Amino acid sequence: MFNTTAWNRLRYSLYAPLYDAVAERAFRRPRRIALDQVTWHTGMRVLLVGAGTGLDLPWLPRDVEIHATDLSRAMVRRAERRAEALGMDVQVAEMDAEALAYPDDHFDVVVMHLILAVMPDPARGIAEARRVLSDDGQLCVMDKFQADDHPAGIIRRTLNGLTSAIATDITRQARPLLEGGGFTIEQDTPVMMGALFRALMARPN
């Protein structure tokens, strides 16, 4: 099984120099759509989980407090440089999304873009997001998901053995994951490749 925290830390450190070339333009519109689903207010405390090189930063309001985490130190360094180039004060930290070093009920918004499909235990990641999110907070998710109304078939599950090792899990389902983690989904918008990539905004139950 390749999808482990250690393997993800290694591979995303290797991917870091090429990540923007692959992901910046392709996911620009999906990121904006996802973030536009959030109801923003001045002074909000915002957490970007699995922030990568900070590609969400240009689309965030400038009047909020931003924290960004990533498992890979190479990604964290690039996010720091992007924040500096944008003139944004962002607190960036190397951190495992499945063990966030923040207190309970600390954030108004948690953003999880393109991370639920790569982490070893997405249910644990959602549980951590719920823990650090205030009871009236908002969870912003954008990722690739298997359809909610049926599990992945045998061909997709077989192919997933390869895709999860080098890129991403292609069998995870959004609604069971979020609703099982204590969230109510308020918006669910297809954003790319038909309904493969979706932007969801959810609130704690």
N, C-alpha and C. Protein backbone atom coordinates (compact mmCIF):
# COMPACT_ATOMS: atom_id res chain seq x y z
N MET A 1 0.86 -1.20 0.00
CA MET A 1 0.00 0.00 0.00
C MET A 1 0.88 1.24 0.00
N PHE A 2 0.84 2.02 -1.07
CA PHE A 2 1.71 3.17 -1.21
C PHE A 2 1.16 4.43 -0.57
N ASN A 3 -0.14 4.47 -0.34
CA ASN A 3 -0.72 5.72 0.16
C ASN A 3 -0.52 5.85 1.66
N THR A 4 0.66 6.29 2.03
CA THR A 4 1.01 6.50 3.43
C THR A 4 1.49 7.93 3.61
N THR A 5 1.53 8.39 4.84
CA THR A 5 1.99 9.74 5.12
C THR A 5 3.43 9.93 4.66
N ALA A 6 4.29 8.96 4.94
CA ALA A 6 5.70 9.07 4.57
C ALA A 6 5.86 9.14 3.05
N TRP A 7 5.11 8.29 2.33
CA TRP A 7 5.20 8.30 0.88
C TRP A 7 4.67 9.61 0.30
N ASN A 8 3.58 10.12 0.85
CA ASN A 8 3.04 11.38 0.36
C ASN A 8 4.01 12.53 0.61
N ARG A 9 4.67 12.53 1.78
CA ARG A 9 5.64 13.58 2.06
C ARG A 9 6.78 13.54 1.03
N LEU A 10 7.24 12.35 0.72
CA LEU A 10 8.34 12.20 -0.24
C LEU A 10 7.92 12.60 -1.64
N ARG A 11 6.79 12.06 -2.09
CA ARG A 11 6.44 12.33 -3.49
C ARG A 11 6.06 13.78 -3.74
N TYR A 12 5.40 14.43 -2.78
CA TYR A 12 5.06 15.84 -3.00
C TYR A 12 6.27 16.74 -2.85
N SER A 13 7.29 16.29 -2.14
CA SER A 13 8.55 17.02 -2.15
C SER A 13 9.20 16.94 -3.53
N LEU A 14 9.08 15.78 -4.16
CA LEU A 14 9.61 15.61 -5.52
C LEU A 14 8.77 16.37 -6.55
N TYR A 15 7.44 16.40 -6.34
CA TYR A 15 6.55 17.07 -7.27
C TYR A 15 6.62 18.59 -7.18
N ALA A 16 7.06 19.11 -6.03
CA ALA A 16 6.96 20.55 -5.76
C ALA A 16 7.50 21.45 -6.87
N PRO A 17 8.68 21.18 -7.44
CA PRO A 17 9.19 22.09 -8.47
C PRO A 17 8.32 22.16 -9.73
N LEU A 18 7.54 21.09 -9.97
CA LEU A 18 6.71 21.03 -11.18
C LEU A 18 5.23 21.27 -10.90
N TYR A 19 4.86 21.40 -9.64
CA TYR A 19 3.45 21.41 -9.27
C TYR A 19 2.68 22.57 -9.91
N ASP A 20 3.24 23.75 -9.87
CA ASP A 20 2.53 24.91 -10.42
C ASP A 20 2.29 24.76 -11.92
N ALA A 21 3.27 24.22 -12.62
CA ALA A 21 3.13 24.06 -14.07
C ALA A 21 1.98 23.13 -14.40
N VAL A 22 1.73 22.15 -13.54
CA VAL A 22 0.66 21.19 -13.77
C VAL A 22 -0.69 21.69 -13.26
N ALA A 23 -0.69 22.29 -12.07
CA ALA A 23 -1.94 22.55 -11.35
C ALA A 23 -2.45 23.98 -11.39
N GLU A 24 -1.60 24.95 -11.63
CA GLU A 24 -2.05 26.34 -11.50
C GLU A 24 -3.14 26.68 -12.50
N ARG A 25 -2.87 26.53 -13.77
CA ARG A 25 -3.85 26.92 -14.79
C ARG A 25 -5.04 25.96 -14.82
N ALA A 26 -4.78 24.66 -14.67
CA ALA A 26 -5.84 23.66 -14.78
C ALA A 26 -6.92 23.85 -13.72
N PHE A 27 -6.51 24.23 -12.51
CA PHE A 27 -7.46 24.30 -11.41
C PHE A 27 -7.80 25.72 -10.97
N ARG A 28 -7.42 26.70 -11.76
CA ARG A 28 -7.70 28.09 -11.40
C ARG A 28 -9.20 28.33 -11.28
N ARG A 29 -9.97 27.95 -12.28
CA ARG A 29 -11.42 28.17 -12.24
C ARG A 29 -12.09 27.35 -11.14
N PRO A 30 -11.80 26.04 -11.00
CA PRO A 30 -12.41 25.29 -9.89
C PRO A 30 -12.11 25.87 -8.52
N ARG A 31 -10.90 26.36 -8.30
CA ARG A 31 -10.58 26.98 -7.01
C ARG A 31 -11.45 28.20 -6.77
N ARG A 32 -11.58 29.03 -7.77
CA ARG A 32 -12.36 30.26 -7.61
C ARG A 32 -13.83 29.95 -7.35
N ILE A 33 -14.37 28.98 -8.07
CA ILE A 33 -15.77 28.61 -7.85
C ILE A 33 -15.96 28.09 -6.43
N ALA A 34 -15.06 27.24 -5.98
CA ALA A 34 -15.17 26.69 -4.63
C ALA A 34 -15.12 27.79 -3.58
N LEU A 35 -14.17 28.68 -3.70
CA LEU A 35 -14.01 29.75 -2.70
C LEU A 35 -15.14 30.76 -2.76
N ASP A 36 -15.74 30.93 -3.93
CA ASP A 36 -16.88 31.84 -4.05
C ASP A 36 -18.12 31.31 -3.33
N GLN A 37 -18.15 30.01 -3.01
CA GLN A 37 -19.29 29.44 -2.30
C GLN A 37 -19.26 29.77 -0.81
N VAL A 38 -18.12 30.23 -0.32
CA VAL A 38 -17.98 30.59 1.08
C VAL A 38 -18.58 31.98 1.31
N THR A 39 -19.25 32.15 2.43
CA THR A 39 -19.73 33.47 2.84
C THR A 39 -18.63 34.11 3.68
N TRP A 40 -17.98 35.11 3.10
CA TRP A 40 -16.82 35.72 3.72
C TRP A 40 -17.20 36.93 4.57
N HIS A 41 -16.46 37.11 5.68
CA HIS A 41 -16.62 38.28 6.53
C HIS A 41 -15.24 38.76 6.97
N THR A 42 -15.11 40.05 7.18
CA THR A 42 -13.86 40.63 7.64
C THR A 42 -13.43 40.00 8.96
N GLY A 43 -12.15 39.70 9.05
CA GLY A 43 -11.59 39.19 10.30
C GLY A 43 -11.70 37.70 10.51
N MET A 44 -12.27 36.97 9.55
CA MET A 44 -12.37 35.52 9.69
C MET A 44 -10.99 34.89 9.83
N ARG A 45 -10.94 33.80 10.58
CA ARG A 45 -9.72 33.01 10.70
C ARG A 45 -9.87 31.80 9.78
N VAL A 46 -8.96 31.68 8.81
CA VAL A 46 -9.08 30.72 7.72
C VAL A 46 -7.90 29.76 7.74
N LEU A 47 -8.18 28.48 7.55
CA LEU A 47 -7.14 27.46 7.47
C LEU A 47 -7.18 26.78 6.12
N LEU A 48 -6.04 26.79 5.41
CA LEU A 48 -5.88 26.03 4.18
C LEU A 48 -5.15 24.74 4.53
N VAL A 49 -5.82 23.62 4.44
CA VAL A 49 -5.24 22.32 4.76
C VAL A 49 -4.70 21.70 3.47
N GLY A 50 -3.45 21.28 3.49
CA GLY A 50 -2.85 20.77 2.27
C GLY A 50 -2.75 21.87 1.24
N ALA A 51 -2.19 23.00 1.66
CA ALA A 51 -2.19 24.21 0.83
C ALA A 51 -1.25 24.11 -0.37
N GLY A 52 -0.37 23.13 -0.38
CA GLY A 52 0.56 23.00 -1.50
C GLY A 52 1.43 24.24 -1.64
N THR A 53 1.54 24.73 -2.85
CA THR A 53 2.37 25.92 -3.12
C THR A 53 1.60 27.22 -2.93
N GLY A 54 0.39 27.12 -2.39
CA GLY A 54 -0.38 28.33 -2.10
C GLY A 54 -1.21 28.85 -3.26
N LEU A 55 -1.65 27.95 -4.13
CA LEU A 55 -2.39 28.39 -5.32
C LEU A 55 -3.77 28.97 -4.99
N ASP A 56 -4.28 28.73 -3.78
CA ASP A 56 -5.55 29.33 -3.38
C ASP A 56 -5.39 30.79 -2.95
N LEU A 57 -4.20 31.18 -2.58
CA LEU A 57 -4.00 32.49 -1.96
C LEU A 57 -4.49 33.67 -2.80
N PRO A 58 -4.27 33.70 -4.11
CA PRO A 58 -4.73 34.87 -4.87
C PRO A 58 -6.24 35.08 -4.86
N TRP A 59 -6.99 34.04 -4.54
CA TRP A 59 -8.45 34.11 -4.61
C TRP A 59 -9.11 34.30 -3.25
N LEU A 60 -8.31 34.50 -2.23
CA LEU A 60 -8.85 34.73 -0.89
C LEU A 60 -8.98 36.21 -0.59
N PRO A 61 -9.96 36.60 0.25
CA PRO A 61 -10.07 38.01 0.65
C PRO A 61 -8.81 38.46 1.38
N ARG A 62 -8.52 39.74 1.31
CA ARG A 62 -7.33 40.28 1.97
C ARG A 62 -7.61 40.71 3.41
N ASP A 63 -8.86 40.66 3.84
CA ASP A 63 -9.21 41.13 5.18
C ASP A 63 -9.52 39.98 6.13
N VAL A 64 -8.90 38.81 5.88
CA VAL A 64 -9.06 37.66 6.77
C VAL A 64 -7.68 37.21 7.25
N GLU A 65 -7.69 36.44 8.34
CA GLU A 65 -6.45 35.89 8.90
C GLU A 65 -6.23 34.50 8.31
N ILE A 66 -5.12 34.30 7.63
CA ILE A 66 -4.90 33.07 6.88
C ILE A 66 -3.78 32.23 7.48
N HIS A 67 -4.08 30.95 7.68
CA HIS A 67 -3.10 29.96 8.07
C HIS A 67 -3.08 28.89 6.98
N ALA A 68 -1.89 28.39 6.65
CA ALA A 68 -1.76 27.39 5.59
C ALA A 68 -0.83 26.28 6.04
N THR A 69 -1.21 25.04 5.79
CA THR A 69 -0.39 23.90 6.18
C THR A 69 -0.17 22.98 4.99
N ASP A 70 0.94 22.25 5.05
CA ASP A 70 1.18 21.19 4.07
C ASP A 70 2.13 20.17 4.67
N LEU A 71 2.02 18.94 4.22
CA LEU A 71 2.85 17.86 4.72
C LEU A 71 4.30 17.98 4.25
N SER A 72 4.49 18.59 3.07
CA SER A 72 5.80 18.67 2.44
C SER A 72 6.48 20.00 2.73
N ARG A 73 7.70 19.94 3.23
CA ARG A 73 8.45 21.16 3.51
C ARG A 73 8.72 21.94 2.23
N ALA A 74 8.95 21.23 1.12
CA ALA A 74 9.20 21.91 -0.15
C ALA A 74 7.97 22.71 -0.59
N MET A 75 6.80 22.15 -0.38
CA MET A 75 5.57 22.86 -0.70
C MET A 75 5.39 24.08 0.22
N VAL A 76 5.67 23.89 1.50
CA VAL A 76 5.53 24.99 2.46
C VAL A 76 6.42 26.17 2.06
N ARG A 77 7.63 25.89 1.67
CA ARG A 77 8.55 26.97 1.27
C ARG A 77 8.02 27.73 0.07
N ARG A 78 7.44 27.02 -0.87
CA ARG A 78 6.89 27.69 -2.05
C ARG A 78 5.64 28.50 -1.69
N ALA A 79 4.84 27.98 -0.77
CA ALA A 79 3.67 28.75 -0.32
C ALA A 79 4.11 30.03 0.39
N GLU A 80 5.17 29.95 1.17
CA GLU A 80 5.69 31.14 1.85
C GLU A 80 6.14 32.18 0.83
N ARG A 81 6.82 31.73 -0.20
CA ARG A 81 7.30 32.67 -1.24
C ARG A 81 6.13 33.27 -2.00
N ARG A 82 5.10 32.47 -2.27
CA ARG A 82 3.93 33.01 -2.97
C ARG A 82 3.23 34.06 -2.12
N ALA A 83 3.05 33.80 -0.85
CA ALA A 83 2.42 34.77 0.04
C ALA A 83 3.22 36.07 0.08
N GLU A 84 4.53 35.96 0.16
CA GLU A 84 5.39 37.15 0.18
C GLU A 84 5.26 37.93 -1.12
N ALA A 85 5.25 37.23 -2.25
CA ALA A 85 5.12 37.90 -3.54
C ALA A 85 3.79 38.61 -3.69
N LEU A 86 2.74 38.05 -3.07
CA LEU A 86 1.40 38.65 -3.12
C LEU A 86 1.22 39.75 -2.08
N GLY A 87 2.21 39.91 -1.21
CA GLY A 87 2.08 40.90 -0.14
C GLY A 87 1.07 40.50 0.91
N MET A 88 0.94 39.19 1.14
CA MET A 88 -0.04 38.68 2.10
C MET A 88 0.66 38.15 3.34
N ASP A 89 0.08 38.41 4.49
CA ASP A 89 0.59 37.92 5.76
C ASP A 89 -0.08 36.58 6.04
N VAL A 90 0.61 35.50 5.75
CA VAL A 90 0.07 34.15 5.89
C VAL A 90 0.96 33.36 6.84
N GLN A 91 0.36 32.71 7.81
CA GLN A 91 1.10 31.84 8.73
C GLN A 91 1.16 30.45 8.11
N VAL A 92 2.34 30.04 7.65
CA VAL A 92 2.51 28.78 6.94
C VAL A 92 3.27 27.80 7.82
N ALA A 93 2.80 26.54 7.86
CA ALA A 93 3.44 25.55 8.72
C ALA A 93 3.44 24.18 8.04
N GLU A 94 4.49 23.42 8.30
CA GLU A 94 4.56 22.03 7.87
C GLU A 94 3.76 21.20 8.86
N MET A 95 2.74 20.49 8.37
CA MET A 95 1.82 19.82 9.29
C MET A 95 1.05 18.72 8.58
N ASP A 96 0.76 17.64 9.30
CA ASP A 96 -0.03 16.53 8.80
C ASP A 96 -1.52 16.90 8.92
N ALA A 97 -2.25 16.80 7.83
CA ALA A 97 -3.68 17.13 7.85
C ALA A 97 -4.48 16.21 8.74
N GLU A 98 -3.95 15.05 9.06
CA GLU A 98 -4.65 14.10 9.92
C GLU A 98 -4.32 14.30 11.40
N ALA A 99 -3.47 15.29 11.70
CA ALA A 99 -3.10 15.59 13.09
C ALA A 99 -2.76 17.07 13.19
N LEU A 100 -3.77 17.92 13.06
CA LEU A 100 -3.56 19.36 13.03
C LEU A 100 -3.19 19.89 14.42
N ALA A 101 -2.17 20.72 14.46
CA ALA A 101 -1.69 21.27 15.73
C ALA A 101 -2.37 22.60 16.05
N TYR A 102 -3.70 22.58 16.06
CA TYR A 102 -4.50 23.75 16.40
C TYR A 102 -5.54 23.36 17.43
N PRO A 103 -5.98 24.31 18.24
CA PRO A 103 -7.00 23.99 19.25
C PRO A 103 -8.37 23.78 18.63
N ASP A 104 -9.27 23.23 19.40
CA ASP A 104 -10.65 23.02 18.96
C ASP A 104 -11.32 24.36 18.66
N ASP A 105 -12.25 24.34 17.70
CA ASP A 105 -13.11 25.50 17.41
C ASP A 105 -12.31 26.77 17.09
N HIS A 106 -11.21 26.62 16.38
CA HIS A 106 -10.27 27.74 16.20
C HIS A 106 -10.51 28.54 14.93
N PHE A 107 -11.12 27.91 13.92
CA PHE A 107 -11.23 28.55 12.60
C PHE A 107 -12.68 28.77 12.20
N ASP A 108 -12.87 29.82 11.40
CA ASP A 108 -14.19 30.12 10.84
C ASP A 108 -14.40 29.41 9.51
N VAL A 109 -13.31 29.19 8.79
CA VAL A 109 -13.36 28.52 7.48
C VAL A 109 -12.18 27.56 7.39
N VAL A 110 -12.45 26.33 6.95
CA VAL A 110 -11.40 25.38 6.62
C VAL A 110 -11.52 25.04 5.14
N VAL A 111 -10.42 25.19 4.42
CA VAL A 111 -10.38 24.92 2.98
C VAL A 111 -9.58 23.65 2.75
N MET A 112 -10.18 22.70 2.04
CA MET A 112 -9.50 21.44 1.70
C MET A 112 -9.63 21.23 0.20
N HIS A 113 -8.65 21.70 -0.54
CA HIS A 113 -8.66 21.59 -2.00
C HIS A 113 -7.64 20.55 -2.46
N LEU A 114 -8.11 19.55 -3.16
CA LEU A 114 -7.26 18.52 -3.76
C LEU A 114 -6.40 17.81 -2.72
N ILE A 115 -6.99 17.54 -1.57
CA ILE A 115 -6.27 16.81 -0.53
C ILE A 115 -7.01 15.56 -0.06
N LEU A 116 -8.34 15.59 -0.03
CA LEU A 116 -9.09 14.42 0.46
C LEU A 116 -8.83 13.18 -0.38
N ALA A 117 -8.55 13.38 -1.65
CA ALA A 117 -8.31 12.23 -2.53
C ALA A 117 -6.89 11.70 -2.46
N VAL A 118 -6.02 12.36 -1.70
CA VAL A 118 -4.64 11.89 -1.62
C VAL A 118 -4.23 11.45 -0.22
N MET A 119 -4.91 11.91 0.82
CA MET A 119 -4.48 11.55 2.17
C MET A 119 -4.79 10.09 2.47
N PRO A 120 -3.97 9.44 3.30
CA PRO A 120 -4.19 8.02 3.60
C PRO A 120 -5.54 7.73 4.24
N ASP A 121 -5.98 8.60 5.15
CA ASP A 121 -7.22 8.38 5.90
C ASP A 121 -8.08 9.64 5.82
N PRO A 122 -8.87 9.79 4.77
CA PRO A 122 -9.64 11.03 4.61
C PRO A 122 -10.67 11.24 5.71
N ALA A 123 -11.21 10.16 6.27
CA ALA A 123 -12.17 10.31 7.37
C ALA A 123 -11.50 10.98 8.57
N ARG A 124 -10.27 10.61 8.83
CA ARG A 124 -9.53 11.25 9.92
C ARG A 124 -9.26 12.72 9.59
N GLY A 125 -8.95 13.01 8.33
CA GLY A 125 -8.75 14.40 7.93
C GLY A 125 -10.00 15.24 8.11
N ILE A 126 -11.15 14.67 7.76
CA ILE A 126 -12.41 15.38 7.95
C ILE A 126 -12.70 15.57 9.44
N ALA A 127 -12.38 14.56 10.24
CA ALA A 127 -12.58 14.68 11.68
C ALA A 127 -11.73 15.80 12.27
N GLU A 128 -10.51 15.94 11.78
CA GLU A 128 -9.65 17.01 12.24
C GLU A 128 -10.18 18.38 11.79
N ALA A 129 -10.66 18.44 10.56
CA ALA A 129 -11.26 19.69 10.09
C ALA A 129 -12.45 20.07 10.95
N ARG A 130 -13.28 19.10 11.28
CA ARG A 130 -14.45 19.36 12.14
C ARG A 130 -14.01 19.83 13.52
N ARG A 131 -12.96 19.23 14.04
CA ARG A 131 -12.49 19.59 15.39
C ARG A 131 -12.02 21.04 15.47
N VAL A 132 -11.26 21.48 14.48
CA VAL A 132 -10.69 22.84 14.55
C VAL A 132 -11.65 23.90 14.03
N LEU A 133 -12.78 23.48 13.47
CA LEU A 133 -13.74 24.41 12.91
C LEU A 133 -14.77 24.80 13.97
N SER A 134 -15.14 26.07 14.00
CA SER A 134 -16.18 26.52 14.92
C SER A 134 -17.52 25.91 14.54
N ASP A 135 -18.43 25.87 15.50
CA ASP A 135 -19.73 25.23 15.27
C ASP A 135 -20.54 25.91 14.16
N ASP A 136 -20.28 27.20 13.92
CA ASP A 136 -20.97 27.89 12.83
C ASP A 136 -20.04 28.16 11.66
N GLY A 137 -18.95 27.37 11.58
CA GLY A 137 -17.95 27.56 10.53
C GLY A 137 -18.36 26.94 9.20
N GLN A 138 -17.48 27.07 8.22
CA GLN A 138 -17.73 26.58 6.87
C GLN A 138 -16.55 25.74 6.40
N LEU A 139 -16.86 24.61 5.79
CA LEU A 139 -15.85 23.73 5.19
C LEU A 139 -15.95 23.86 3.68
N CYS A 140 -14.86 24.22 3.04
CA CYS A 140 -14.80 24.40 1.59
C CYS A 140 -13.94 23.29 1.00
N VAL A 141 -14.54 22.42 0.19
CA VAL A 141 -13.86 21.27 -0.39
C VAL A 141 -13.92 21.35 -1.90
N MET A 142 -12.79 21.05 -2.55
CA MET A 142 -12.79 20.87 -4.00
C MET A 142 -11.85 19.71 -4.30
N ASP A 143 -12.40 18.69 -5.00
CA ASP A 143 -11.59 17.50 -5.26
C ASP A 143 -12.30 16.64 -6.29
N LYS A 144 -11.66 15.52 -6.62
CA LYS A 144 -12.26 14.54 -7.52
C LYS A 144 -12.94 13.47 -6.68
N PHE A 145 -14.14 13.05 -7.10
CA PHE A 145 -14.89 12.08 -6.32
C PHE A 145 -15.60 11.10 -7.23
N GLN A 146 -15.69 9.87 -6.76
CA GLN A 146 -16.58 8.88 -7.34
C GLN A 146 -18.02 9.32 -7.08
N ALA A 147 -18.95 8.97 -7.97
CA ALA A 147 -20.35 9.31 -7.78
C ALA A 147 -20.86 8.81 -6.43
N ASP A 148 -21.71 9.59 -5.78
CA ASP A 148 -22.20 9.26 -4.45
C ASP A 148 -23.21 8.12 -4.44
N ASP A 149 -23.89 7.89 -5.56
CA ASP A 149 -24.99 6.94 -5.54
C ASP A 149 -24.56 5.49 -5.75
N HIS A 150 -23.28 5.25 -6.03
CA HIS A 150 -22.82 3.87 -6.13
C HIS A 150 -21.30 3.83 -5.93
N PRO A 151 -20.80 2.77 -5.32
CA PRO A 151 -19.35 2.65 -5.11
C PRO A 151 -18.63 2.36 -6.42
N ALA A 152 -17.32 2.52 -6.39
CA ALA A 152 -16.51 2.25 -7.57
C ALA A 152 -16.60 0.77 -7.96
N GLY A 153 -16.62 0.53 -9.27
CA GLY A 153 -16.64 -0.84 -9.77
C GLY A 153 -15.26 -1.47 -9.74
N ILE A 154 -15.18 -2.73 -10.14
CA ILE A 154 -13.93 -3.47 -10.03
C ILE A 154 -12.82 -2.89 -10.91
N ILE A 155 -13.18 -2.39 -12.08
CA ILE A 155 -12.15 -1.82 -12.96
C ILE A 155 -11.56 -0.56 -12.34
N ARG A 156 -12.42 0.29 -11.83
CA ARG A 156 -11.96 1.53 -11.19
C ARG A 156 -11.13 1.21 -9.94
N ARG A 157 -11.56 0.24 -9.16
CA ARG A 157 -10.81 -0.13 -7.95
C ARG A 157 -9.45 -0.70 -8.31
N THR A 158 -9.38 -1.46 -9.38
CA THR A 158 -8.10 -2.02 -9.82
C THR A 158 -7.17 -0.91 -10.29
N LEU A 159 -7.70 -0.01 -11.11
CA LEU A 159 -6.90 1.11 -11.59
C LEU A 159 -6.44 2.00 -10.44
N ASN A 160 -7.25 2.08 -9.39
CA ASN A 160 -6.92 2.92 -8.25
C ASN A 160 -5.64 2.49 -7.56
N GLY A 161 -5.29 1.22 -7.66
CA GLY A 161 -4.03 0.77 -7.08
C GLY A 161 -2.85 1.52 -7.65
N LEU A 162 -2.91 1.85 -8.94
CA LEU A 162 -1.85 2.62 -9.58
C LEU A 162 -2.00 4.11 -9.32
N THR A 163 -3.21 4.64 -9.55
CA THR A 163 -3.38 6.10 -9.44
C THR A 163 -3.14 6.62 -8.03
N SER A 164 -3.51 5.82 -7.01
CA SER A 164 -3.33 6.29 -5.64
C SER A 164 -1.86 6.31 -5.25
N ALA A 165 -1.05 5.50 -5.91
CA ALA A 165 0.38 5.47 -5.60
C ALA A 165 1.11 6.67 -6.19
N ILE A 166 0.72 7.06 -7.41
CA ILE A 166 1.46 8.13 -8.08
C ILE A 166 0.75 9.48 -8.06
N ALA A 167 -0.55 9.48 -7.83
CA ALA A 167 -1.27 10.76 -7.91
C ALA A 167 -2.40 10.85 -6.88
N THR A 168 -3.49 10.11 -7.10
CA THR A 168 -4.69 10.35 -6.31
C THR A 168 -5.61 9.15 -6.29
N ASP A 169 -6.38 9.03 -5.22
CA ASP A 169 -7.41 8.00 -5.12
C ASP A 169 -8.60 8.41 -5.99
N ILE A 170 -9.13 7.48 -6.75
CA ILE A 170 -10.25 7.80 -7.66
C ILE A 170 -11.53 7.08 -7.24
N THR A 171 -11.58 6.58 -5.99
CA THR A 171 -12.75 5.83 -5.55
C THR A 171 -13.51 6.49 -4.39
N ARG A 172 -13.06 7.63 -3.91
CA ARG A 172 -13.67 8.23 -2.72
C ARG A 172 -14.94 8.99 -3.07
N GLN A 173 -15.88 8.97 -2.15
CA GLN A 173 -17.20 9.58 -2.37
C GLN A 173 -17.39 10.75 -1.41
N ALA A 174 -17.83 11.87 -1.95
CA ALA A 174 -17.90 13.11 -1.18
C ALA A 174 -18.96 13.07 -0.07
N ARG A 175 -20.17 12.77 -0.42
CA ARG A 175 -21.25 12.87 0.58
C ARG A 175 -21.09 11.89 1.74
N PRO A 176 -20.81 10.62 1.50
CA PRO A 176 -20.58 9.74 2.64
C PRO A 176 -19.44 10.22 3.54
N LEU A 177 -18.41 10.77 2.93
CA LEU A 177 -17.25 11.22 3.70
C LEU A 177 -17.59 12.45 4.55
N LEU A 178 -18.19 13.46 3.95
CA LEU A 178 -18.50 14.69 4.68
C LEU A 178 -19.65 14.49 5.66
N GLU A 179 -20.71 13.85 5.21
CA GLU A 179 -21.85 13.64 6.11
C GLU A 179 -21.50 12.68 7.24
N GLY A 180 -20.67 11.70 6.96
CA GLY A 180 -20.23 10.79 8.00
C GLY A 180 -19.31 11.46 9.01
N GLY A 181 -18.70 12.59 8.60
CA GLY A 181 -17.82 13.33 9.48
C GLY A 181 -18.50 14.45 10.23
N GLY A 182 -19.83 14.51 10.16
CA GLY A 182 -20.55 15.49 10.95
C GLY A 182 -20.86 16.79 10.25
N PHE A 183 -20.93 16.77 8.91
CA PHE A 183 -21.22 17.98 8.14
C PHE A 183 -22.52 17.85 7.35
N THR A 184 -23.16 18.98 7.15
CA THR A 184 -24.29 19.08 6.24
C THR A 184 -23.83 19.84 5.01
N ILE A 185 -24.00 19.25 3.84
CA ILE A 185 -23.56 19.87 2.59
C ILE A 185 -24.62 20.86 2.13
N GLU A 186 -24.22 22.10 1.95
CA GLU A 186 -25.15 23.15 1.52
C GLU A 186 -25.02 23.47 0.04
N GLN A 187 -23.83 23.27 -0.52
CA GLN A 187 -23.64 23.48 -1.95
C GLN A 187 -22.75 22.38 -2.49
N ASP A 188 -23.08 21.90 -3.68
CA ASP A 188 -22.34 20.80 -4.32
C ASP A 188 -22.35 21.09 -5.82
N THR A 189 -21.23 21.60 -6.33
CA THR A 189 -21.17 22.12 -7.69
C THR A 189 -20.13 21.39 -8.53
N PRO A 190 -20.52 20.77 -9.65
CA PRO A 190 -19.52 20.21 -10.57
C PRO A 190 -18.66 21.35 -11.14
N VAL A 191 -17.35 21.16 -11.14
CA VAL A 191 -16.48 22.26 -11.58
C VAL A 191 -15.51 21.88 -12.68
N MET A 192 -15.39 20.56 -13.00
CA MET A 192 -14.37 20.19 -13.98
C MET A 192 -14.58 18.74 -14.40
N MET A 193 -14.37 18.46 -15.69
CA MET A 193 -14.49 17.10 -16.22
C MET A 193 -15.84 16.49 -15.87
N GLY A 194 -16.89 17.20 -16.27
CA GLY A 194 -18.24 16.78 -15.93
C GLY A 194 -18.46 16.92 -14.44
N ALA A 195 -18.81 15.83 -13.78
CA ALA A 195 -19.02 15.86 -12.33
C ALA A 195 -17.89 15.16 -11.58
N LEU A 196 -16.76 14.89 -12.26
CA LEU A 196 -15.65 14.22 -11.58
C LEU A 196 -15.07 15.11 -10.49
N PHE A 197 -14.83 16.38 -10.81
CA PHE A 197 -14.35 17.34 -9.82
C PHE A 197 -15.53 18.16 -9.33
N ARG A 198 -15.66 18.27 -8.00
CA ARG A 198 -16.78 18.97 -7.42
C ARG A 198 -16.31 19.95 -6.34
N ALA A 199 -17.03 21.05 -6.21
CA ALA A 199 -16.80 22.02 -5.14
C ALA A 199 -17.97 21.94 -4.17
N LEU A 200 -17.67 21.69 -2.91
CA LEU A 200 -18.71 21.53 -1.90
C LEU A 200 -18.48 22.50 -0.76
N MET A 201 -19.55 23.11 -0.28
CA MET A 201 -19.50 23.93 0.91
C MET A 201 -20.39 23.28 1.95
N ALA A 202 -19.84 23.02 3.13
CA ALA A 202 -20.57 22.30 4.16
C ALA A 202 -20.41 22.99 5.50
N ARG A 203 -21.36 22.74 6.39
CA ARG A 203 -21.32 23.29 7.76
C ARG A 203 -21.46 22.14 8.76
N PRO A 204 -20.89 22.33 9.95
CA PRO A 204 -21.05 21.30 10.98
C PRO A 204 -22.51 21.11 11.35
N ASN A 205 -22.88 19.87 11.65
CA ASN A 205 -24.26 19.58 12.07
C ASN A 205 -24.53 20.21 13.43
